[in-house]
C-alpha atoms as a PDB file:
ATOM      1  CA  UNK A   1     113.139 113.016  98.909  1.00  0.00           C
ATOM      2  CA  UNK A   2     112.268 115.321  96.207  1.00  0.00           C
ATOM      3  CA  UNK A   3     114.315 117.160  93.828  1.00  0.00           C
ATOM      4  CA  UNK A   4     113.073 119.571  91.702  1.00  0.00           C
ATOM      5  CA  UNK A   5     109.605 119.223  93.232  1.00  0.00           C
ATOM      6  CA  UNK A   6     109.765 115.441  91.977  1.00  0.00           C
ATOM      7  CA  UNK A   7     109.407 112.227  93.916  1.00  0.00           C
ATOM      8  CA  UNK A   8     111.848 109.406  92.623  1.00  0.00           C
ATOM      9  CA  UNK A   9     111.152 105.860  92.019  1.00  0.00           C
ATOM     10  CA  UNK A  10     113.524 104.900  94.798  1.00  0.00           C
ATOM     11  CA  UNK A  11     111.624 107.045  97.165  1.00  0.00           C
ATOM     12  CA  UNK A  12     108.218 105.750  96.421  1.00  0.00           C
ATOM     13  CA  UNK A  13     109.518 102.011  96.804  1.00  0.00           C
ATOM     14  CA  UNK A  14     111.190 103.136 100.060  1.00  0.00           C
ATOM     15  CA  UNK A  15     107.544 104.337 101.906  1.00  0.00           C
ATOM     16  CA  UNK A  16     106.056 101.238 100.317  1.00  0.00           C
ATOM     17  CA  UNK A  17     108.875  98.974 102.262  1.00  0.00           C
ATOM     18  CA  UNK A  18     108.771 100.947 105.163  1.00  0.00           C
ATOM     19  CA  UNK A  19     104.906 100.427 105.338  1.00  0.00           C
ATOM     20  CA  UNK A  20     105.415  96.351 105.211  1.00  0.00           C
ATOM     21  CA  UNK A  21     107.574  96.805 107.914  1.00  0.00           C
ATOM     22  CA  UNK A  22     104.951  98.507 110.135  1.00  0.00           C
ATOM     23  CA  UNK A  23     102.362  95.996 108.815  1.00  0.00           C
ATOM     24  CA  UNK A  24     105.031  93.124 109.997  1.00  0.00           C
ATOM     25  CA  UNK A  25     105.343  94.693 113.140  1.00  0.00           C
ATOM     26  CA  UNK A  26     101.488  94.587 113.415  1.00  0.00           C
ATOM     27  CA  UNK A  27     100.720  91.330 112.165  1.00  0.00           C
ATOM     28  CA  UNK A  28     103.242  89.548 114.992  1.00  0.00           C
ATOM     29  CA  UNK A  29     103.420  92.227 118.009  1.00  0.00           C
ATOM     30  CA  UNK A  30     101.946  90.928 121.057  1.00  0.00           C
ATOM     31  CA  UNK A  31     101.016  87.490 120.143  1.00  0.00           C
ATOM     32  CA  UNK A  32     102.203  84.412 121.878  1.00  0.00           C
ATOM     33  CA  UNK A  33     104.199  81.247 120.169  1.00  0.00           C
ATOM     34  CA  UNK A  34     100.866  79.542 119.957  1.00  0.00           C
ATOM     35  CA  UNK A  35      98.610  82.141 118.459  1.00  0.00           C
ATOM     36  CA  UNK A  36     101.912  82.907 115.718  1.00  0.00           C
ATOM     37  CA  UNK A  37     102.353  78.912 115.238  1.00  0.00           C
ATOM     38  CA  UNK A  38      98.798  78.230 115.356  1.00  0.00           C
ATOM     39  CA  UNK A  39      96.879  77.137 111.889  1.00  0.00           C
ATOM     40  CA  UNK A  40      93.534  78.104 110.788  1.00  0.00           C
ATOM     41  CA  UNK A  41      93.547  74.235 109.356  1.00  0.00           C
ATOM     42  CA  UNK A  42      95.658  71.400 108.500  1.00  0.00           C
ATOM     43  CA  UNK A  43      96.544  73.474 104.839  1.00  0.00           C
ATOM     44  CA  UNK A  44      96.637  76.722 106.290  1.00  0.00           C
ATOM     45  CA  UNK A  45      99.644  78.924 106.705  1.00  0.00           C
ATOM     46  CA  UNK A  46     100.551  80.290 110.543  1.00  0.00           C
ATOM     47  CA  UNK A  47     101.383  84.060 110.979  1.00  0.00           C
ATOM     48  CA  UNK A  48     104.953  82.469 111.700  1.00  0.00           C
ATOM     49  CA  UNK A  49     105.014  80.962 108.467  1.00  0.00           C
ATOM     50  CA  UNK A  50     103.734  83.949 106.526  1.00  0.00           C
ATOM     51  CA  UNK A  51     105.779  86.246 108.200  1.00  0.00           C
ATOM     52  CA  UNK A  52     109.162  84.342 107.430  1.00  0.00           C
ATOM     53  CA  UNK A  53     108.171  83.370 104.163  1.00  0.00           C
ATOM     54  CA  UNK A  54     107.904  86.757 103.201  1.00  0.00           C
ATOM     55  CA  UNK A  55     111.087  88.275 104.699  1.00  0.00           C
ATOM     56  CA  UNK A  56     113.083  85.048 103.170  1.00  0.00           C
ATOM     57  CA  UNK A  57     111.739  85.726  99.577  1.00  0.00           C
ATOM     58  CA  UNK A  58     112.504  89.774 100.230  1.00  0.00           C
ATOM     59  CA  UNK A  59     116.059  88.794 101.537  1.00  0.00           C
ATOM     60  CA  UNK A  60     117.114  86.228  98.910  1.00  0.00           C
ATOM     61  CA  UNK A  61     115.817  88.543  95.982  1.00  0.00           C
ATOM     62  CA  UNK A  62     117.033  91.618  96.921  1.00  0.00           C
ATOM     63  CA  UNK A  63     120.209  90.334  98.151  1.00  0.00           C
ATOM     64  CA  UNK A  64     120.434  88.508  94.894  1.00  0.00           C
ATOM     65  CA  UNK A  65     119.663  91.837  92.698  1.00  0.00           C
ATOM     66  CA  UNK A  66     122.454  93.685  95.343  1.00  0.00           C
ATOM     67  CA  UNK A  67     124.867  91.006  94.933  1.00  0.00           C
ATOM     68  CA  UNK A  68     125.093  90.732  98.718  1.00  0.00           C
ATOM     69  CA  UNK A  69     124.776  87.881 101.129  1.00  0.00           C
ATOM     70  CA  UNK A  70     121.392  86.786 102.475  1.00  0.00           C
ATOM     71  CA  UNK A  71     121.033  88.389 105.869  1.00  0.00           C
ATOM     72  CA  UNK A  72     119.440  85.049 106.845  1.00  0.00           C
ATOM     73  CA  UNK A  73     122.927  83.570 106.527  1.00  0.00           C
ATOM     74  CA  UNK A  74     125.449  86.771 107.207  1.00  0.00           C
ATOM     75  CA  UNK A  75     123.943  87.194 110.583  1.00  0.00           C
ATOM     76  CA  UNK A  76     123.224  83.949 111.496  1.00  0.00           C
ATOM     77  CA  UNK A  77     119.327  84.343 111.396  1.00  0.00           C
ATOM     78  CA  UNK A  78     119.119  80.637 110.248  1.00  0.00           C
ATOM     79  CA  UNK A  79     120.912  79.420 112.764  1.00  0.00           C
ATOM     80  CA  UNK A  80     118.527  81.665 115.118  1.00  0.00           C
ATOM     81  CA  UNK A  81     115.665  79.927 114.024  1.00  0.00           C
ATOM     82  CA  UNK A  82     116.632  76.650 113.939  1.00  0.00           C
ATOM     83  CA  UNK A  83     114.155  75.407 111.525  1.00  0.00           C
ATOM     84  CA  UNK A  84     114.366  72.030 109.823  1.00  0.00           C
ATOM     85  CA  UNK A  85     114.824  73.205 106.376  1.00  0.00           C
ATOM     86  CA  UNK A  86     117.644  73.839 104.020  1.00  0.00           C
ATOM     87  CA  UNK A  87     119.824  76.623 104.764  1.00  0.00           C
ATOM     88  CA  UNK A  88     118.642  78.717 101.751  1.00  0.00           C
ATOM     89  CA  UNK A  89     114.842  77.376 101.626  1.00  0.00           C
ATOM     90  CA  UNK A  90     112.544  80.560 101.404  1.00  0.00           C
ATOM     91  CA  UNK A  91     109.446  78.619 101.508  1.00  0.00           C
ATOM     92  CA  UNK A  92     108.197  78.702  98.006  1.00  0.00           C
ATOM     93  CA  UNK A  93     106.325  75.829  96.901  1.00  0.00           C
ATOM     94  CA  UNK A  94     105.971  74.208 100.681  1.00  0.00           C
ATOM     95  CA  UNK A  95     103.835  71.132 101.565  1.00  0.00           C
ATOM     96  CA  UNK A  96     101.940  71.461 104.447  1.00  0.00           C
ATOM     97  CA  UNK A  97     104.458  69.051 106.444  1.00  0.00           C
ATOM     98  CA  UNK A  98     107.110  71.849 105.501  1.00  0.00           C
ATOM     99  CA  UNK A  99     104.928  74.983 106.847  1.00  0.00           C
ATOM    100  CA  UNK A 100     104.357  73.044 110.350  1.00  0.00           C
ATOM    101  CA  UNK A 101     108.130  73.025 110.626  1.00  0.00           C
ATOM    102  CA  UNK A 102     108.680  77.110 110.908  1.00  0.00           C
ATOM    103  CA  UNK A 103     107.366  77.600 114.412  1.00  0.00           C
ATOM    104  CA  UNK A 104     108.986  80.308 116.369  1.00  0.00           C
ATOM    105  CA  UNK A 105     108.950  80.834 120.396  1.00  0.00           C
ATOM    106  CA  UNK A 106     108.775  84.542 120.219  1.00  0.00           C
ATOM    107  CA  UNK A 107     107.470  87.289 117.578  1.00  0.00           C
ATOM    108  CA  UNK A 108     110.835  88.915 118.157  1.00  0.00           C
ATOM    109  CA  UNK A 109     112.154  86.441 116.184  1.00  0.00           C
ATOM    110  CA  UNK A 110     110.392  87.135 113.498  1.00  0.00           C
ATOM    111  CA  UNK A 111     110.102  91.156 113.363  1.00  0.00           C
ATOM    112  CA  UNK A 112     114.455  91.229 114.343  1.00  0.00           C
ATOM    113  CA  UNK A 113     114.961  89.367 111.260  1.00  0.00           C
ATOM    114  CA  UNK A 114     112.655  91.215 109.077  1.00  0.00           C
ATOM    115  CA  UNK A 115     114.310  94.704 110.461  1.00  0.00           C
ATOM    116  CA  UNK A 116     117.512  93.498 109.488  1.00  0.00           C
ATOM    117  CA  UNK A 117     116.658  92.713 106.531  1.00  0.00           C
ATOM    118  CA  UNK A 118     114.779  95.548 106.087  1.00  0.00           C
ATOM    119  CA  UNK A 119     117.309  97.365 106.824  1.00  0.00           C
ATOM    120  CA  UNK A 120     119.632  95.794 103.910  1.00  0.00           C
ATOM    121  CA  UNK A 121     116.702  96.581 101.340  1.00  0.00           C
ATOM    122  CA  UNK A 122     116.853 100.333 102.047  1.00  0.00           C
ATOM    123  CA  UNK A 123     120.375 100.601 102.306  1.00  0.00           C
ATOM    124  CA  UNK A 124     120.447  99.160  98.515  1.00  0.00           C
ATOM    125  CA  UNK A 125     117.594 100.937  97.086  1.00  0.00           C
ATOM    126  CA  UNK A 126     118.806 104.405  98.411  1.00  0.00           C
ATOM    127  CA  UNK A 127     121.881 103.959  96.117  1.00  0.00           C
ATOM    128  CA  UNK A 128     119.919 103.554  92.940  1.00  0.00           C
ATOM    129  CA  UNK A 129     119.700 105.676  90.226  1.00  0.00           C
ATOM    130  CA  UNK A 130     117.029 105.732  87.783  1.00  0.00           C
ATOM    131  CA  UNK A 131     119.413 103.680  85.064  1.00  0.00           C
ATOM    132  CA  UNK A 132     119.458 100.960  87.657  1.00  0.00           C
ATOM    133  CA  UNK A 133     115.884  99.744  87.198  1.00  0.00           C
ATOM    134  CA  UNK A 134     116.203  99.050  83.801  1.00  0.00           C
ATOM    135  CA  UNK A 135     118.979  96.531  84.655  1.00  0.00           C
ATOM    136  CA  UNK A 136     118.380  93.007  84.222  1.00  0.00           C
ATOM    137  CA  UNK A 137     118.587  90.778  86.932  1.00  0.00           C
ATOM    138  CA  UNK A 138     116.793  87.660  86.046  1.00  0.00           C
ATOM    139  CA  UNK A 139     117.102  86.096  82.160  1.00  0.00           C
ATOM    140  CA  UNK A 140     114.704  83.019  83.129  1.00  0.00           C
ATOM    141  CA  UNK A 141     111.795  85.153  82.414  1.00  0.00           C
ATOM    142  CA  UNK A 142     110.492  86.412  78.881  1.00  0.00           C
ATOM    143  CA  UNK A 143     110.883  89.258  78.863  1.00  0.00           C
ATOM    144  CA  UNK A 144     113.635  89.150  81.296  1.00  0.00           C
ATOM    145  CA  UNK A 145     113.510  90.711  85.009  1.00  0.00           C
ATOM    146  CA  UNK A 146     114.713  94.216  85.355  1.00  0.00           C
ATOM    147  CA  UNK A 147     115.390  95.440  88.943  1.00  0.00           C
ATOM    148  CA  UNK A 148     112.643  97.850  89.091  1.00  0.00           C
ATOM    149  CA  UNK A 149     110.352  94.775  87.937  1.00  0.00           C
ATOM    150  CA  UNK A 150     111.995  92.480  90.527  1.00  0.00           C
ATOM    151  CA  UNK A 151     111.514  95.227  93.347  1.00  0.00           C
ATOM    152  CA  UNK A 152     107.564  95.523  92.783  1.00  0.00           C
ATOM    153  CA  UNK A 153     107.410  92.019  92.607  1.00  0.00           C
ATOM    154  CA  UNK A 154     108.710  91.722  95.820  1.00  0.00           C
ATOM    155  CA  UNK A 155     106.662  94.260  97.796  1.00  0.00           C
ATOM    156  CA  UNK A 156     103.748  92.836  95.727  1.00  0.00           C
ATOM    157  CA  UNK A 157     104.021  89.392  97.221  1.00  0.00           C
ATOM    158  CA  UNK A 158     105.123  90.974 100.437  1.00  0.00           C
ATOM    159  CA  UNK A 159     101.755  92.928 100.889  1.00  0.00           C
ATOM    160  CA  UNK A 160      99.762  90.023  99.983  1.00  0.00           C
ATOM    161  CA  UNK A 161     101.711  87.828 102.862  1.00  0.00           C
ATOM    162  CA  UNK A 162     101.603  90.463 105.330  1.00  0.00           C
ATOM    163  CA  UNK A 163      97.415  90.924 104.743  1.00  0.00           C
ATOM    164  CA  UNK A 164      97.324  87.157 105.054  1.00  0.00           C
ATOM    165  CA  UNK A 165      99.638  87.009 108.208  1.00  0.00           C
ATOM    166  CA  UNK A 166      96.929  89.776 109.793  1.00  0.00           C
ATOM    167  CA  UNK A 167      93.887  87.767 108.778  1.00  0.00           C
ATOM    168  CA  UNK A 168      94.918  84.492 110.093  1.00  0.00           C
ATOM    169  CA  UNK A 169      95.979  86.430 113.408  1.00  0.00           C
ATOM    170  CA  UNK A 170      92.447  87.334 113.276  1.00  0.00           C
ATOM    171  CA  UNK A 171      90.834  84.010 112.999  1.00  0.00           C
ATOM    172  CA  UNK A 172      93.114  82.616 115.397  1.00  0.00           C
ATOM    173  CA  UNK A 173      92.391  85.206 117.974  1.00  0.00           C
ATOM    174  CA  UNK A 174      88.565  85.028 117.540  1.00  0.00           C
ATOM    175  CA  UNK A 175      88.660  81.033 117.734  1.00  0.00           C
END
């Protein structure tokens, strides 16, 4: 992890993404399907949707940056979930009706998918050099997005959503 007493950016990212994995398991662990799929109000997100969405975003964005196929498709998670949504849907911009379509029978489905995406993410990050973080991965923005910025953006999004999932869990369990 350290080279000459210095921590590398990839080591920090590996630690941060591993913390997301821990929080995903904590947010989902031991919940019944009723609690996983409950929405505190008609327009709120469920724990299931939040964890599915943060995983889909990580899978989509990291796979794209790494030039890999999404775990969602490569390992048939799309079929295992069986959602009535487009194959590459990540949940971005979902209406309340689409949020309602993301339902699971078990937290193991959510954590299994997250763990598979997490492994692909860490494998990719472990192979990066300092120069790799400067590579442009998305030119649709001004300024264009570098790999380093994309990885931190995904990290930020994931942390927000896993925190929301933990909050929803608490709301639903107390109701």
